Amino acid sequence: MKFAVNYSAAAADLFREGRIEVDRFKCPAWPDTVAAARALHAVYVHLPLRVGAGIGDAIDTERRQPADWGRLEALLARTDTPQVNVHLAPFAGDFDGMAVDTADPADVERLYAHALRDVQALVDRFGPEHVAVENADDGKGLILHAALQPDFVRDLVREAGCCFLLDVAHARMAAHLLGIDARAYLAGLPLERTTEIHLAGIQPFAGRWLALMRHGGLSREELGWFAGLEPGEPVDHLPLVDEDWAFYAWSLEEVRQGKWGRPWIVTLEYGGVGPVWELLTDKAILAEQAPRLYAMIKNKNEPEGGGQPEGAHALE
């Protein structure tokens, strides 16, 4: 398996200094950022796309419009990114009058049909081995809870025949929201189709993180969804704490035993680019945590099969 971290100025500095080792940097679909990262090392691109609205396509969450595939495919090919990733994130606002926590069978059936329509369109366009659906958390109250249920995710991925991007932090947060044990929740996901894994720390939005946001001098627009967080609310994409390390040690053992598919890459999602993530990225923390996770991932008992997902290559 390959190891990646979110690209950031701190990560770039640490890599130049020889203090962290990564196989790739994970970058947003921003050409300037991709160019800067590629000048330093190999990268792959993570797309800001969501599915579930039922438009027969993915929605670009940054541009709030259907995906511009000409632009995105060029980035994927330029970076040898093997898969189109999409977040399974149908919003309550996509469905008039549907409550975010609806469990009505008619609502769930409608939601599933819309999500399948979107994913199937991408599978038809790119091929099942080139599409990876990522599990979501609660989307800060936006995502319909029915789409967070593990059987919903499992059935969708299996019926579409595509791959699965397992975000373990998202799974833990969704399980907490739904009142399900995290390991039981994970067991219900389509783990056998896993081709990529994301790991991140989960911490309350409090202490130093809350102080950084309050005193960082950022506008409400720059803060984005952070502006709506309540003090103490759980947030991912932060440094790992003891509970995270224990959970991810178990997770990586599941991978090594062949229970979680054949992931080609595992990514530490701490730090990043943009005003908020630059503020939250602590170089000293990254210098300690990236090598520790790298050592865990590069275990000598790593199962054969790590590398590109079977049949996958950069989109051309």
Protein backbone atom coordinates (compact mmCIF):
# COMPACT_ATOMS: atom_id res chain seq x y z
CA MET A 1 0.00 0.00 0.00
CA LYS A 2 1.08 3.53 -0.69
CA PHE A 3 0.98 6.28 1.92
CA ALA A 4 -0.16 9.86 1.31
CA VAL A 5 -0.83 13.00 3.30
CA ASN A 6 -2.85 16.06 2.44
CA TYR A 7 -0.64 18.52 0.62
CA SER A 8 0.12 21.63 2.68
CA ALA A 9 2.93 24.13 3.02
CA ALA A 10 3.97 22.36 6.22
CA ALA A 11 3.96 18.93 4.56
CA ALA A 12 5.98 20.30 1.65
CA ASP A 13 8.57 21.77 4.00
CA LEU A 14 8.84 18.55 5.99
CA PHE A 15 9.27 16.51 2.81
CA ARG A 16 12.03 18.81 1.55
CA GLU A 17 13.74 18.54 4.93
CA GLY A 18 13.58 14.74 4.80
CA ARG A 19 11.47 14.59 7.97
CA ILE A 20 8.47 12.82 6.44
CA GLU A 21 8.27 10.16 3.75
CA VAL A 22 5.22 9.85 1.51
CA ASP A 23 4.46 8.05 -1.72
CA ARG A 24 2.11 10.79 -2.90
CA PHE A 25 0.57 14.03 -1.79
CA LYS A 26 -3.22 14.21 -1.89
CA CYS A 27 -4.33 17.46 -3.53
CA PRO A 28 -7.62 19.23 -4.11
CA ALA A 29 -8.60 19.75 -7.75
CA TRP A 30 -6.91 23.15 -7.87
CA PRO A 31 -4.47 23.45 -10.80
CA ASP A 32 -2.05 25.82 -9.03
CA THR A 33 -1.86 23.58 -5.96
CA VAL A 34 -1.43 20.49 -8.11
CA ALA A 35 1.38 22.18 -10.04
CA ALA A 36 3.18 23.21 -6.84
CA ALA A 37 2.88 19.72 -5.36
CA ARG A 38 3.94 17.99 -8.59
CA ALA A 39 7.07 20.11 -8.70
CA LEU A 40 8.03 18.47 -5.42
CA HIS A 41 6.73 14.90 -5.59
CA ALA A 42 4.07 12.56 -6.98
CA VAL A 43 0.47 13.54 -6.27
CA TYR A 44 -3.08 12.35 -6.72
CA VAL A 45 -6.22 14.44 -6.92
CA HIS A 46 -9.29 14.26 -4.69
CA LEU A 47 -12.36 15.68 -6.43
CA PRO A 48 -14.99 17.90 -4.72
CA LEU A 49 -17.88 15.87 -6.10
CA ARG A 50 -21.05 14.56 -4.53
CA VAL A 51 -23.76 12.22 -5.79
CA GLY A 52 -27.30 11.54 -4.65
CA ALA A 53 -29.29 14.47 -6.00
CA GLY A 54 -30.51 12.33 -8.88
CA ILE A 55 -29.37 14.52 -11.78
CA GLY A 56 -27.61 11.67 -13.57
CA ASP A 57 -24.22 13.20 -12.86
CA ALA A 58 -22.00 14.40 -10.00
CA ILE A 59 -22.24 17.89 -8.52
CA ASP A 60 -19.11 19.97 -7.98
CA THR A 61 -19.53 21.22 -4.41
CA GLU A 62 -17.05 24.05 -4.90
CA ARG A 63 -18.71 25.42 -8.03
CA ARG A 64 -22.23 24.28 -7.10
CA GLN A 65 -22.94 22.95 -10.55
CA PRO A 66 -22.60 19.68 -12.47
CA ALA A 67 -19.04 18.49 -12.87
CA ASP A 68 -16.94 20.02 -15.62
CA TRP A 69 -15.50 16.74 -16.81
CA GLY A 70 -13.16 18.25 -19.37
CA ARG A 71 -11.35 20.18 -16.63
CA LEU A 72 -11.41 17.36 -14.09
CA GLU A 73 -10.37 14.57 -16.44
CA ALA A 74 -7.36 16.62 -17.50
CA LEU A 75 -6.27 16.90 -13.85
CA LEU A 76 -6.77 13.19 -13.25
CA ALA A 77 -4.72 12.22 -16.28
CA ARG A 78 -1.97 14.75 -15.50
CA THR A 79 -1.52 13.32 -12.01
CA ASP A 80 -1.97 9.61 -12.80
CA THR A 81 -4.97 9.52 -10.46
CA PRO A 82 -6.56 6.11 -11.02
CA GLN A 83 -10.14 6.79 -9.92
CA VAL A 84 -12.92 9.35 -9.97
CA ASN A 85 -13.97 9.77 -6.35
CA VAL A 86 -17.46 10.90 -5.41
CA HIS A 87 -18.97 11.53 -1.99
CA LEU A 88 -22.31 9.84 -1.30
CA ALA A 89 -23.96 13.00 0.01
CA PRO A 90 -27.60 13.56 -0.92
CA PHE A 91 -28.78 16.74 0.80
CA ALA A 92 -32.21 17.18 2.31
CA GLY A 93 -32.47 20.26 0.10
CA ASP A 94 -32.30 18.02 -2.98
CA PHE A 95 -35.68 16.53 -2.07
CA ASP A 96 -38.58 18.90 -1.41
CA GLY A 97 -40.19 18.28 1.95
CA MET A 98 -37.97 15.34 2.94
CA ALA A 99 -36.83 15.43 6.57
CA VAL A 100 -33.11 14.92 7.09
CA ASP A 101 -33.76 11.99 9.43
CA THR A 102 -36.56 10.38 7.45
CA ALA A 103 -36.89 6.61 7.71
CA ASP A 104 -40.04 6.40 5.60
CA PRO A 105 -39.56 3.44 3.22
CA ALA A 106 -40.93 5.44 0.29
CA ASP A 107 -38.43 8.23 0.97
CA VAL A 108 -35.54 5.78 1.29
CA GLU A 109 -36.52 4.03 -1.95
CA ARG A 110 -36.67 7.35 -3.78
CA LEU A 111 -33.36 8.45 -2.33
CA TYR A 112 -31.69 5.18 -3.32
CA ALA A 113 -32.98 5.42 -6.90
CA HIS A 114 -31.63 8.94 -7.24
CA ALA A 115 -28.22 8.00 -5.83
CA LEU A 116 -27.97 4.93 -8.06
CA ARG A 117 -28.86 7.03 -11.10
CA ASP A 118 -25.94 9.37 -10.40
CA VAL A 119 -23.39 6.64 -9.68
CA GLN A 120 -24.49 4.49 -12.60
CA ALA A 121 -23.99 7.42 -14.98
CA LEU A 122 -20.38 7.72 -13.81
CA VAL A 123 -19.82 3.97 -14.05
CA ASP A 124 -21.16 4.03 -17.59
CA ARG A 125 -18.84 6.91 -18.46
CA PHE A 126 -15.61 5.79 -16.80
CA GLY A 127 -16.00 2.08 -16.05
CA PRO A 128 -16.64 0.51 -12.63
CA GLU A 129 -12.95 0.16 -11.77
CA HIS A 130 -12.48 3.91 -12.22
CA VAL A 131 -15.28 5.10 -9.90
CA ALA A 132 -14.97 5.06 -6.10
CA VAL A 133 -17.88 6.06 -3.88
CA GLU A 134 -16.87 7.55 -0.52
CA ASN A 135 -18.97 7.17 2.62
CA ALA A 136 -19.95 10.44 4.31
CA ASP A 137 -20.56 11.68 7.83
CA ASP A 138 -23.55 13.90 8.66
CA GLY A 139 -22.41 16.77 6.45
CA LYS A 140 -23.04 19.21 9.30
CA GLY A 141 -26.74 18.41 9.22
CA LEU A 142 -27.15 18.52 5.45
CA ILE A 143 -26.93 14.86 4.44
CA LEU A 144 -30.00 12.64 4.63
CA HIS A 145 -29.39 10.11 7.37
CA ALA A 146 -30.77 7.23 5.32
CA ALA A 147 -27.76 7.55 3.00
CA LEU A 148 -25.43 7.15 5.99
CA GLN A 149 -26.83 3.73 6.87
CA PRO A 150 -24.21 1.08 6.10
CA ASP A 151 -26.64 -1.16 4.21
CA PHE A 152 -27.59 1.79 1.96
CA VAL A 153 -23.93 2.38 1.10
CA ARG A 154 -23.25 -1.34 0.69
CA ASP A 155 -26.22 -2.01 -1.59
CA LEU A 156 -25.49 1.05 -3.74
CA VAL A 157 -21.82 0.23 -4.30
CA ARG A 158 -22.52 -3.42 -5.01
CA GLU A 159 -25.41 -2.74 -7.40
CA ALA A 160 -23.41 -0.10 -9.31
CA GLY A 161 -20.44 -2.48 -9.38
CA CYS A 162 -18.01 0.32 -8.55
CA CYS A 163 -15.22 0.67 -5.98
CA PHE A 164 -15.41 1.96 -2.43
CA LEU A 165 -13.40 4.78 -0.85
CA LEU A 166 -13.48 4.04 2.87
CA ASP A 167 -13.19 7.11 5.06
CA VAL A 168 -12.81 5.59 8.51
CA ALA A 169 -13.26 8.89 10.34
CA HIS A 170 -16.51 9.51 8.45
CA ALA A 171 -17.67 6.01 9.37
CA ARG A 172 -16.95 6.59 13.05
CA MET A 173 -18.81 9.91 13.06
CA ALA A 174 -21.79 8.52 11.13
CA ALA A 175 -21.97 5.55 13.51
CA HIS A 176 -22.04 7.93 16.48
CA LEU A 177 -24.83 9.95 14.88
CA LEU A 178 -26.89 6.84 14.18
CA GLY A 179 -26.23 5.22 17.56
CA ILE A 180 -24.35 2.25 16.09
CA ASP A 181 -21.10 0.74 17.36
CA ALA A 182 -18.34 1.94 15.04
CA ARG A 183 -16.90 -1.50 14.35
CA ALA A 184 -20.36 -2.92 13.67
CA TYR A 185 -21.04 0.02 11.36
CA LEU A 186 -17.85 -0.62 9.41
CA ALA A 187 -18.70 -4.32 9.12
CA GLY A 188 -21.88 -3.35 7.27
CA LEU A 189 -20.06 -1.37 4.57
CA PRO A 190 -18.89 -2.85 1.23
CA LEU A 191 -15.38 -3.36 2.58
CA GLU A 192 -14.48 -5.99 0.01
CA ARG A 193 -14.58 -3.24 -2.65
CA THR A 194 -12.23 -0.87 -0.80
CA THR A 195 -9.55 0.64 -3.05
CA GLU A 196 -8.61 3.72 -0.99
CA ILE A 197 -8.68 4.56 2.73
CA HIS A 198 -8.72 7.91 4.53
CA LEU A 199 -7.70 8.30 8.17
CA ALA A 200 -8.04 11.44 10.27
CA GLY A 201 -8.19 12.52 13.88
CA ILE A 202 -11.54 13.34 15.45
CA GLN A 203 -11.55 15.97 18.18
CA PRO A 204 -14.09 18.31 19.76
CA PHE A 205 -14.14 21.77 18.24
CA ALA A 206 -12.74 23.29 21.42
CA GLY A 207 -9.50 24.33 23.07
CA ARG A 208 -6.70 25.36 20.75
CA TRP A 209 -8.77 24.65 17.60
CA LEU A 210 -11.61 26.92 18.69
CA ALA A 211 -9.12 29.59 19.75
CA LEU A 212 -7.35 29.42 16.38
CA MET A 213 -10.63 29.98 14.56
CA ARG A 214 -11.68 32.83 16.82
CA HIS A 215 -8.39 34.65 16.63
CA GLY A 216 -7.30 33.73 13.12
CA GLY A 217 -8.69 36.85 11.51
CA LEU A 218 -10.66 34.94 8.89
CA SER A 219 -13.90 36.17 7.42
CA ARG A 220 -17.10 34.14 7.69
CA GLU A 221 -16.77 33.31 4.01
CA GLU A 222 -13.23 32.03 4.52
CA LEU A 223 -14.34 29.97 7.52
CA GLY A 224 -16.99 28.19 5.44
CA TRP A 225 -18.82 25.49 7.37
CA PHE A 226 -16.51 26.03 10.36
CA ALA A 227 -18.45 29.26 10.99
CA GLY A 228 -21.52 27.21 11.91
CA LEU A 229 -19.84 24.82 14.33
CA GLU A 230 -20.86 24.77 17.96
CA PRO A 231 -18.11 24.68 20.61
CA GLY A 232 -17.40 21.05 21.49
CA GLU A 233 -18.85 19.64 18.25
CA PRO A 234 -16.74 16.74 16.88
CA VAL A 235 -14.57 17.64 13.89
CA ASP A 236 -12.43 15.35 11.76
CA HIS A 237 -9.34 16.12 9.66
CA LEU A 238 -7.54 17.08 12.88
CA PRO A 239 -4.47 15.44 14.48
CA LEU A 240 -4.85 11.92 15.81
CA VAL A 241 -5.35 11.43 19.54
CA ASP A 242 -4.95 8.23 21.56
CA GLU A 243 -8.41 6.90 20.67
CA ASP A 244 -7.69 7.45 16.98
CA TRP A 245 -4.35 5.66 17.10
CA ALA A 246 -5.92 2.63 18.77
CA PHE A 247 -8.79 2.50 16.29
CA TYR A 248 -6.52 2.87 13.28
CA ALA A 249 -4.11 0.21 14.53
CA TRP A 250 -7.09 -2.15 14.53
CA SER A 251 -8.19 -0.85 11.12
CA LEU A 252 -4.81 -1.47 9.52
CA GLU A 253 -4.73 -4.96 10.96
CA GLU A 254 -8.09 -5.60 9.26
CA VAL A 255 -6.49 -4.46 6.01
CA ARG A 256 -3.46 -6.68 6.51
CA GLN A 257 -5.71 -9.67 7.10
CA GLY A 258 -7.42 -9.02 3.77
CA LYS A 259 -10.78 -8.08 5.32
CA TRP A 260 -10.91 -4.55 3.88
CA GLY A 261 -10.33 -5.10 0.20
CA ARG A 262 -7.13 -4.19 -1.61
CA PRO A 263 -6.51 -0.46 -1.02
CA TRP A 264 -3.84 1.01 -3.24
CA ILE A 265 -3.32 3.98 -0.91
CA VAL A 266 -3.98 5.08 2.67
CA THR A 267 -4.08 8.83 3.31
CA LEU A 268 -3.62 10.86 6.46
CA GLU A 269 -6.13 13.68 6.11
CA TYR A 270 -4.59 16.24 8.41
CA GLY A 271 -3.66 19.67 7.18
CA GLY A 272 -4.22 21.17 3.79
CA VAL A 273 -4.46 24.33 1.75
CA GLY A 274 -6.80 27.27 1.98
CA PRO A 275 -7.19 29.74 4.85
CA VAL A 276 -8.78 27.42 7.42
CA TRP A 277 -6.55 24.40 6.90
CA GLU A 278 -3.39 26.46 6.74
CA LEU A 279 -4.39 27.87 10.12
CA LEU A 280 -5.06 24.42 11.58
CA THR A 281 -1.95 22.70 10.22
CA ASP A 282 0.72 22.38 12.91
CA LYS A 283 4.07 21.45 11.37
CA ALA A 284 5.39 19.89 14.59
CA ILE A 285 2.34 17.64 14.91
CA LEU A 286 2.57 16.57 11.28
CA ALA A 287 6.29 15.86 11.72
CA GLU A 288 5.46 13.43 14.54
CA GLN A 289 2.28 11.82 13.21
CA ALA A 290 3.07 11.26 9.52
CA PRO A 291 6.16 9.08 10.17
CA ARG A 292 4.33 7.14 12.88
CA LEU A 293 1.43 6.33 10.57
CA TYR A 294 3.82 5.62 7.69
CA ALA A 295 5.53 2.99 9.83
CA MET A 296 2.18 1.40 10.71
CA ILE A 297 1.09 1.26 7.07
CA LYS A 298 4.41 -0.06 5.75
CA ASN A 299 4.24 -3.08 8.03
CA LYS A 300 6.42 -5.93 6.77
CA ASN A 301 3.35 -8.17 6.87
CA GLU A 302 1.51 -5.97 4.35
CA PRO A 303 -0.60 -8.30 2.14
CA GLU A 304 0.28 -8.74 -1.49
CA GLY A 305 -1.90 -6.79 -3.87
CA GLY A 306 -1.19 -3.26 -2.64
CA GLY A 307 -0.67 -0.84 -5.52
CA GLN A 308 -3.05 0.37 -8.19
CA PRO A 309 -6.59 -1.01 -7.92
CA GLU A 310 -7.00 -3.98 -10.21
CA GLY A 311 -7.55 -2.84 -13.76
CA ALA A 312 -7.16 0.82 -12.82
CA HIS A 313 -4.89 3.44 -14.35
CA ALA A 314 -4.99 7.15 -14.96
CA LEU A 315 -7.96 8.34 -16.94
CA GLU A 316 -6.98 9.39 -20.43
